[in-house]
All heavy atoms as atom14 arrays in JSON, in Angstrom:
{
  "sequence": "LAVESVEVIETNRIGKVEPGEELTAKVRS",
  "atom14_mask": [
    [1, 1, 1, 1, 1, 1, 1, 1, 0, 0, 0, 0, 0, 0],
    [1, 1, 1, 1, 1, 0, 0, 0, 0, 0, 0, 0, 0, 0],
    [1, 1, 1, 1, 1, 1, 1, 0, 0, 0, 0, 0, 0, 0],
    [1, 1, 1, 1, 1, 1, 1, 1, 1, 0, 0, 0, 0, 0],
    [1, 1, 1, 1, 1, 1, 0, 0, 0, 0, 0, 0, 0, 0],
    [1, 1, 1, 1, 1, 1, 1, 0, 0, 0, 0, 0, 0, 0],
    [1, 1, 1, 1, 1, 1, 1, 1, 1, 0, 0, 0, 0, 0],
    [1, 1, 1, 1, 1, 1, 1, 0, 0, 0, 0, 0, 0, 0],
    [1, 1, 1, 1, 1, 1, 1, 1, 0, 0, 0, 0, 0, 0],
    [1, 1, 1, 1, 1, 1, 1, 1, 1, 0, 0, 0, 0, 0],
    [1, 1, 1, 1, 1, 1, 1, 0, 0, 0, 0, 0, 0, 0],
    [1, 1, 1, 1, 1, 1, 1, 1, 0, 0, 0, 0, 0, 0],
    [1, 1, 1, 1, 1, 1, 1, 1, 1, 1, 1, 0, 0, 0],
    [1, 1, 1, 1, 1, 1, 1, 1, 0, 0, 0, 0, 0, 0],
    [1, 1, 1, 1, 0, 0, 0, 0, 0, 0, 0, 0, 0, 0],
    [1, 1, 1, 1, 1, 1, 1, 1, 1, 0, 0, 0, 0, 0],
    [1, 1, 1, 1, 1, 1, 1, 0, 0, 0, 0, 0, 0, 0],
    [1, 1, 1, 1, 1, 1, 1, 1, 1, 0, 0, 0, 0, 0],
    [1, 1, 1, 1, 1, 1, 1, 0, 0, 0, 0, 0, 0, 0],
    [1, 1, 1, 1, 0, 0, 0, 0, 0, 0, 0, 0, 0, 0],
    [1, 1, 1, 1, 1, 1, 1, 1, 1, 0, 0, 0, 0, 0],
    [1, 1, 1, 1, 1, 1, 1, 1, 1, 0, 0, 0, 0, 0],
    [1, 1, 1, 1, 1, 1, 1, 1, 0, 0, 0, 0, 0, 0],
    [1, 1, 1, 1, 1, 1, 1, 0, 0, 0, 0, 0, 0, 0],
    [1, 1, 1, 1, 1, 0, 0, 0, 0, 0, 0, 0, 0, 0],
    [1, 1, 1, 1, 1, 1, 1, 1, 1, 0, 0, 0, 0, 0],
    [1, 1, 1, 1, 1, 1, 1, 0, 0, 0, 0, 0, 0, 0],
    [1, 1, 1, 1, 1, 1, 1, 1, 1, 1, 1, 0, 0, 0],
    [1, 1, 1, 1, 1, 1, 0, 0, 0, 0, 0, 0, 0, 0]
  ],
  "atom14_positions": [
    [[-10.95, -16.49, -5.04], [-10.89, -15.19, -4.68], [-9.54, -14.66, -4.2], [-9.25, -13.59, -3.99], [-12.0, -14.86, -3.66], [-13.47, -14.79, -4.0], [-14.28, -14.68, -2.85], [-13.69, -13.56, -4.99], [0.0, 0.0, 0.0], [0.0, 0.0, 0.0], [0.0, 0.0, 0.0], [0.0, 0.0, 0.0], [0.0, 0.0, 0.0], [0.0, 0.0, 0.0]],
    [[-8.68, -15.67, -3.93], [-7.37, -15.35, -3.32], [-6.54, -14.54, -4.35], [-6.25, -14.87, -5.45], [-6.68, -16.54, -2.94], [0.0, 0.0, 0.0], [0.0, 0.0, 0.0], [0.0, 0.0, 0.0], [0.0, 0.0, 0.0], [0.0, 0.0, 0.0], [0.0, 0.0, 0.0], [0.0, 0.0, 0.0], [0.0, 0.0, 0.0], [0.0, 0.0, 0.0]],
    [[-6.07, -13.43, -3.84], [-5.23, -12.44, -4.69], [-3.76, -12.27, -4.06], [-3.74, -12.17, -2.83], [-5.98, -11.08, -4.72], [-5.03, -9.98, -5.3], [-7.16, -11.16, -5.54], [0.0, 0.0, 0.0], [0.0, 0.0, 0.0], [0.0, 0.0, 0.0], [0.0, 0.0, 0.0], [0.0, 0.0, 0.0], [0.0, 0.0, 0.0], [0.0, 0.0, 0.0]],
    [[-2.78, -12.31, -4.87], [-1.55, -12.18, -4.34], [-0.93, -10.78, -4.51], [-0.05, -10.4, -3.74], [-0.52, -13.18, -4.9], [-0.36, -12.97, -6.47], [0.58, -13.98, -7.1], [0.89, -14.9, -6.41], [1.09, -13.81, -8.23], [0.0, 0.0, 0.0], [0.0, 0.0, 0.0], [0.0, 0.0, 0.0], [0.0, 0.0, 0.0], [0.0, 0.0, 0.0]],
    [[-1.46, -10.06, -5.51], [-0.92, -8.62, -5.63], [-1.98, -7.87, -6.37], [-2.91, -8.39, -7.02], [0.31, -8.66, -6.38], [0.08, -9.11, -7.84], [0.0, 0.0, 0.0], [0.0, 0.0, 0.0], [0.0, 0.0, 0.0], [0.0, 0.0, 0.0], [0.0, 0.0, 0.0], [0.0, 0.0, 0.0], [0.0, 0.0, 0.0], [0.0, 0.0, 0.0]],
    [[-1.87, -6.55, -6.24], [-2.76, -5.57, -7.01], [-1.92, -4.47, -7.67], [-0.81, -4.15, -7.02], [-3.81, -4.99, -6.06], [-4.78, -6.01, -5.46], [-3.19, -4.27, -4.88], [0.0, 0.0, 0.0], [0.0, 0.0, 0.0], [0.0, 0.0, 0.0], [0.0, 0.0, 0.0], [0.0, 0.0, 0.0], [0.0, 0.0, 0.0], [0.0, 0.0, 0.0]],
    [[-2.41, -3.88, -8.83], [-1.82, -2.69, -9.25], [-2.54, -1.51, -8.7], [-3.87, -1.46, -8.84], [-1.84, -2.75, -10.71], [-1.17, -1.37, -11.4], [-1.21, -1.37, -12.91], [-1.75, -2.38, -13.47], [-0.79, -0.47, -13.45], [0.0, 0.0, 0.0], [0.0, 0.0, 0.0], [0.0, 0.0, 0.0], [0.0, 0.0, 0.0], [0.0, 0.0, 0.0]],
    [[-1.9, -0.64, -8.06], [-2.48, 0.59, -7.37], [-2.16, 1.85, -8.33], [-0.89, 2.09, -8.52], [-2.06, 0.73, -5.96], [-2.82, 1.83, -5.34], [-2.35, -0.55, -5.29], [0.0, 0.0, 0.0], [0.0, 0.0, 0.0], [0.0, 0.0, 0.0], [0.0, 0.0, 0.0], [0.0, 0.0, 0.0], [0.0, 0.0, 0.0], [0.0, 0.0, 0.0]],
    [[-3.12, 2.57, -8.74], [-2.84, 3.74, -9.61], [-3.29, 5.07, -8.89], [-3.79, 4.99, -7.82], [-3.63, 3.61, -10.92], [-5.16, 3.65, -10.66], [-3.21, 2.35, -11.69], [-5.96, 3.68, -11.93], [0.0, 0.0, 0.0], [0.0, 0.0, 0.0], [0.0, 0.0, 0.0], [0.0, 0.0, 0.0], [0.0, 0.0, 0.0], [0.0, 0.0, 0.0]],
    [[-2.69, 6.08, -9.43], [-3.01, 7.54, -8.96], [-2.72, 7.62, -7.48], [-3.64, 8.15, -6.7], [-4.59, 7.8, -9.22], [-4.91, 7.8, -10.66], [-6.44, 8.01, -10.89], [-7.09, 8.63, -10.09], [-6.85, 7.59, -11.92], [0.0, 0.0, 0.0], [0.0, 0.0, 0.0], [0.0, 0.0, 0.0], [0.0, 0.0, 0.0], [0.0, 0.0, 0.0]],
    [[-1.62, 7.12, -7.14], [-1.19, 7.13, -5.62], [-0.96, 8.46, -5.04], [-0.4, 9.47, -5.76], [-0.02, 6.24, -5.44], [1.1, 6.69, -6.0], [-0.36, 4.74, -5.89], [0.0, 0.0, 0.0], [0.0, 0.0, 0.0], [0.0, 0.0, 0.0], [0.0, 0.0, 0.0], [0.0, 0.0, 0.0], [0.0, 0.0, 0.0], [0.0, 0.0, 0.0]],
    [[-1.22, 8.59, -3.82], [-0.88, 9.79, -3.02], [-0.03, 9.38, -1.84], [-0.28, 8.33, -1.23], [-2.24, 10.44, -2.49], [-1.94, 11.74, -1.64], [-1.29, 12.7, -2.15], [-2.34, 11.65, -0.43], [0.0, 0.0, 0.0], [0.0, 0.0, 0.0], [0.0, 0.0, 0.0], [0.0, 0.0, 0.0], [0.0, 0.0, 0.0], [0.0, 0.0, 0.0]],
    [[0.87, 10.26, -1.47], [1.66, 9.98, -0.22], [1.63, 11.08, 0.74], [1.62, 12.26, 0.36], [3.21, 9.68, -0.68], [4.11, 9.35, 0.49], [5.51, 9.1, 0.28], [6.17, 10.49, 0.21], [6.55, 11.14, -0.89], [6.51, 10.43, -2.15], [7.16, 12.25, -0.9], [0.0, 0.0, 0.0], [0.0, 0.0, 0.0], [0.0, 0.0, 0.0]],
    [[1.56, 10.75, 1.98], [1.49, 11.72, 3.15], [2.69, 11.51, 3.93], [2.88, 10.43, 4.54], [0.31, 11.53, 4.04], [-1.04, 11.66, 3.16], [0.24, 12.61, 5.01], [-2.39, 11.23, 3.9], [0.0, 0.0, 0.0], [0.0, 0.0, 0.0], [0.0, 0.0, 0.0], [0.0, 0.0, 0.0], [0.0, 0.0, 0.0], [0.0, 0.0, 0.0]],
    [[3.6, 12.51, 4.06], [4.87, 12.34, 4.83], [5.85, 11.58, 4.21], [5.78, 11.14, 2.89], [0.0, 0.0, 0.0], [0.0, 0.0, 0.0], [0.0, 0.0, 0.0], [0.0, 0.0, 0.0], [0.0, 0.0, 0.0], [0.0, 0.0, 0.0], [0.0, 0.0, 0.0], [0.0, 0.0, 0.0], [0.0, 0.0, 0.0], [0.0, 0.0, 0.0]],
    [[6.96, 11.22, 4.83], [8.01, 10.37, 4.3], [7.75, 8.88, 4.61], [7.07, 8.5, 5.57], [9.34, 10.8, 4.95], [9.75, 12.14, 4.58], [11.01, 12.38, 5.35], [11.57, 13.81, 5.08], [12.81, 14.18, 5.76], [0.0, 0.0, 0.0], [0.0, 0.0, 0.0], [0.0, 0.0, 0.0], [0.0, 0.0, 0.0], [0.0, 0.0, 0.0]],
    [[8.35, 8.09, 3.76], [8.35, 6.55, 3.89], [9.8, 6.23, 4.29], [10.7, 6.34, 3.38], [7.87, 5.74, 2.76], [7.91, 4.25, 3.01], [6.41, 6.23, 2.47], [0.0, 0.0, 0.0], [0.0, 0.0, 0.0], [0.0, 0.0, 0.0], [0.0, 0.0, 0.0], [0.0, 0.0, 0.0], [0.0, 0.0, 0.0], [0.0, 0.0, 0.0]],
    [[10.05, 5.74, 5.4], [11.47, 5.44, 5.74], [11.94, 4.05, 5.15], [11.12, 3.21, 5.17], [11.68, 5.39, 7.35], [11.31, 6.73, 8.01], [12.29, 7.86, 7.59], [13.36, 7.63, 7.18], [11.8, 9.0, 7.68], [0.0, 0.0, 0.0], [0.0, 0.0, 0.0], [0.0, 0.0, 0.0], [0.0, 0.0, 0.0], [0.0, 0.0, 0.0]],
    [[13.13, 3.98, 4.72], [13.7, 2.64, 4.2], [13.42, 1.51, 5.25], [13.8, 1.8, 6.4], [15.15, 2.92, 3.92], [15.16, 4.44, 3.76], [14.19, 5.06, 4.7], [0.0, 0.0, 0.0], [0.0, 0.0, 0.0], [0.0, 0.0, 0.0], [0.0, 0.0, 0.0], [0.0, 0.0, 0.0], [0.0, 0.0, 0.0], [0.0, 0.0, 0.0]],
    [[12.95, 0.51, 4.87], [12.75, -0.67, 5.72], [11.51, -0.64, 6.68], [11.36, -1.56, 7.41], [0.0, 0.0, 0.0], [0.0, 0.0, 0.0], [0.0, 0.0, 0.0], [0.0, 0.0, 0.0], [0.0, 0.0, 0.0], [0.0, 0.0, 0.0], [0.0, 0.0, 0.0], [0.0, 0.0, 0.0], [0.0, 0.0, 0.0], [0.0, 0.0, 0.0]],
    [[10.73, 0.46, 6.51], [9.44, 0.45, 7.34], [8.56, -0.68, 6.94], [8.41, -1.02, 5.79], [8.73, 1.72, 7.14], [9.18, 2.88, 8.0], [8.2, 4.08, 7.97], [8.04, 4.65, 6.81], [7.58, 4.46, 9.03], [0.0, 0.0, 0.0], [0.0, 0.0, 0.0], [0.0, 0.0, 0.0], [0.0, 0.0, 0.0], [0.0, 0.0, 0.0]],
    [[8.03, -1.37, 8.0], [7.02, -2.45, 7.78], [5.74, -1.77, 7.51], [5.2, -0.99, 8.23], [6.94, -3.28, 8.99], [8.33, -4.1, 9.28], [8.09, -5.1, 10.4], [7.0, -5.14, 10.94], [9.07, -5.8, 10.7], [0.0, 0.0, 0.0], [0.0, 0.0, 0.0], [0.0, 0.0, 0.0], [0.0, 0.0, 0.0], [0.0, 0.0, 0.0]],
    [[5.12, -2.13, 6.35], [3.98, -1.59, 5.82], [2.76, -2.5, 5.87], [2.94, -3.74, 5.65], [4.14, -1.04, 4.48], [5.25, -0.02, 4.12], [5.28, 0.32, 2.76], [5.07, 1.16, 5.01], [0.0, 0.0, 0.0], [0.0, 0.0, 0.0], [0.0, 0.0, 0.0], [0.0, 0.0, 0.0], [0.0, 0.0, 0.0], [0.0, 0.0, 0.0]],
    [[1.54, -2.0, 6.06], [0.28, -2.77, 6.02], [-0.64, -2.02, 5.17], [-0.43, -0.86, 4.77], [-0.34, -3.0, 7.38], [-0.63, -1.7, 7.92], [0.66, -3.73, 8.29], [0.0, 0.0, 0.0], [0.0, 0.0, 0.0], [0.0, 0.0, 0.0], [0.0, 0.0, 0.0], [0.0, 0.0, 0.0], [0.0, 0.0, 0.0], [0.0, 0.0, 0.0]],
    [[-1.7, -2.61, 4.72], [-2.69, -1.93, 3.79], [-4.04, -2.56, 4.08], [-4.3, -3.7, 4.48], [-2.22, -2.21, 2.31], [0.0, 0.0, 0.0], [0.0, 0.0, 0.0], [0.0, 0.0, 0.0], [0.0, 0.0, 0.0], [0.0, 0.0, 0.0], [0.0, 0.0, 0.0], [0.0, 0.0, 0.0], [0.0, 0.0, 0.0], [0.0, 0.0, 0.0]],
    [[-5.02, -1.67, 3.85], [-6.5, -1.99, 3.84], [-6.99, -1.96, 2.46], [-6.72, -0.92, 1.8], [-7.21, -1.1, 4.76], [-6.94, -1.25, 6.29], [-7.6, -0.19, 7.12], [-9.17, -0.42, 7.07], [-9.81, 0.48, 8.14], [0.0, 0.0, 0.0], [0.0, 0.0, 0.0], [0.0, 0.0, 0.0], [0.0, 0.0, 0.0], [0.0, 0.0, 0.0]],
    [[-7.68, -2.93, 1.93], [-8.3, -2.8, 0.59], [-9.8, -2.76, 0.65], [-10.43, -2.74, -0.41], [-7.93, -4.06, -0.22], [-6.32, -4.02, -0.52], [-8.28, -5.39, 0.45], [0.0, 0.0, 0.0], [0.0, 0.0, 0.0], [0.0, 0.0, 0.0], [0.0, 0.0, 0.0], [0.0, 0.0, 0.0], [0.0, 0.0, 0.0], [0.0, 0.0, 0.0]],
    [[-10.32, -2.63, 1.82], [-11.73, -2.31, 2.07], [-11.83, -1.51, 3.31], [-10.97, -1.7, 4.3], [-12.58, -3.54, 2.18], [-12.62, -4.46, 0.91], [-13.43, -5.73, 1.17], [-12.86, -6.53, 2.23], [-11.77, -7.29, 2.16], [-11.07, -7.35, 1.08], [-11.29, -7.96, 3.13], [0.0, 0.0, 0.0], [0.0, 0.0, 0.0], [0.0, 0.0, 0.0]],
    [[-12.87, -0.7, 3.45], [-12.88, 0.25, 4.62], [-12.98, -0.51, 5.93], [-12.51, -0.15, 6.95], [-14.06, 1.11, 4.49], [-15.4, 0.38, 4.46], [0.0, 0.0, 0.0], [0.0, 0.0, 0.0], [0.0, 0.0, 0.0], [0.0, 0.0, 0.0], [0.0, 0.0, 0.0], [0.0, 0.0, 0.0], [0.0, 0.0, 0.0], [0.0, 0.0, 0.0]]
  ]
}
């Protein structure tokens, strides 16, 4: 089940993303 990457489509952005910002993500609620 281990996944290293995903393709994300139809993306939406809220506000700016600053260069070098450390990002996290949730793939389930």
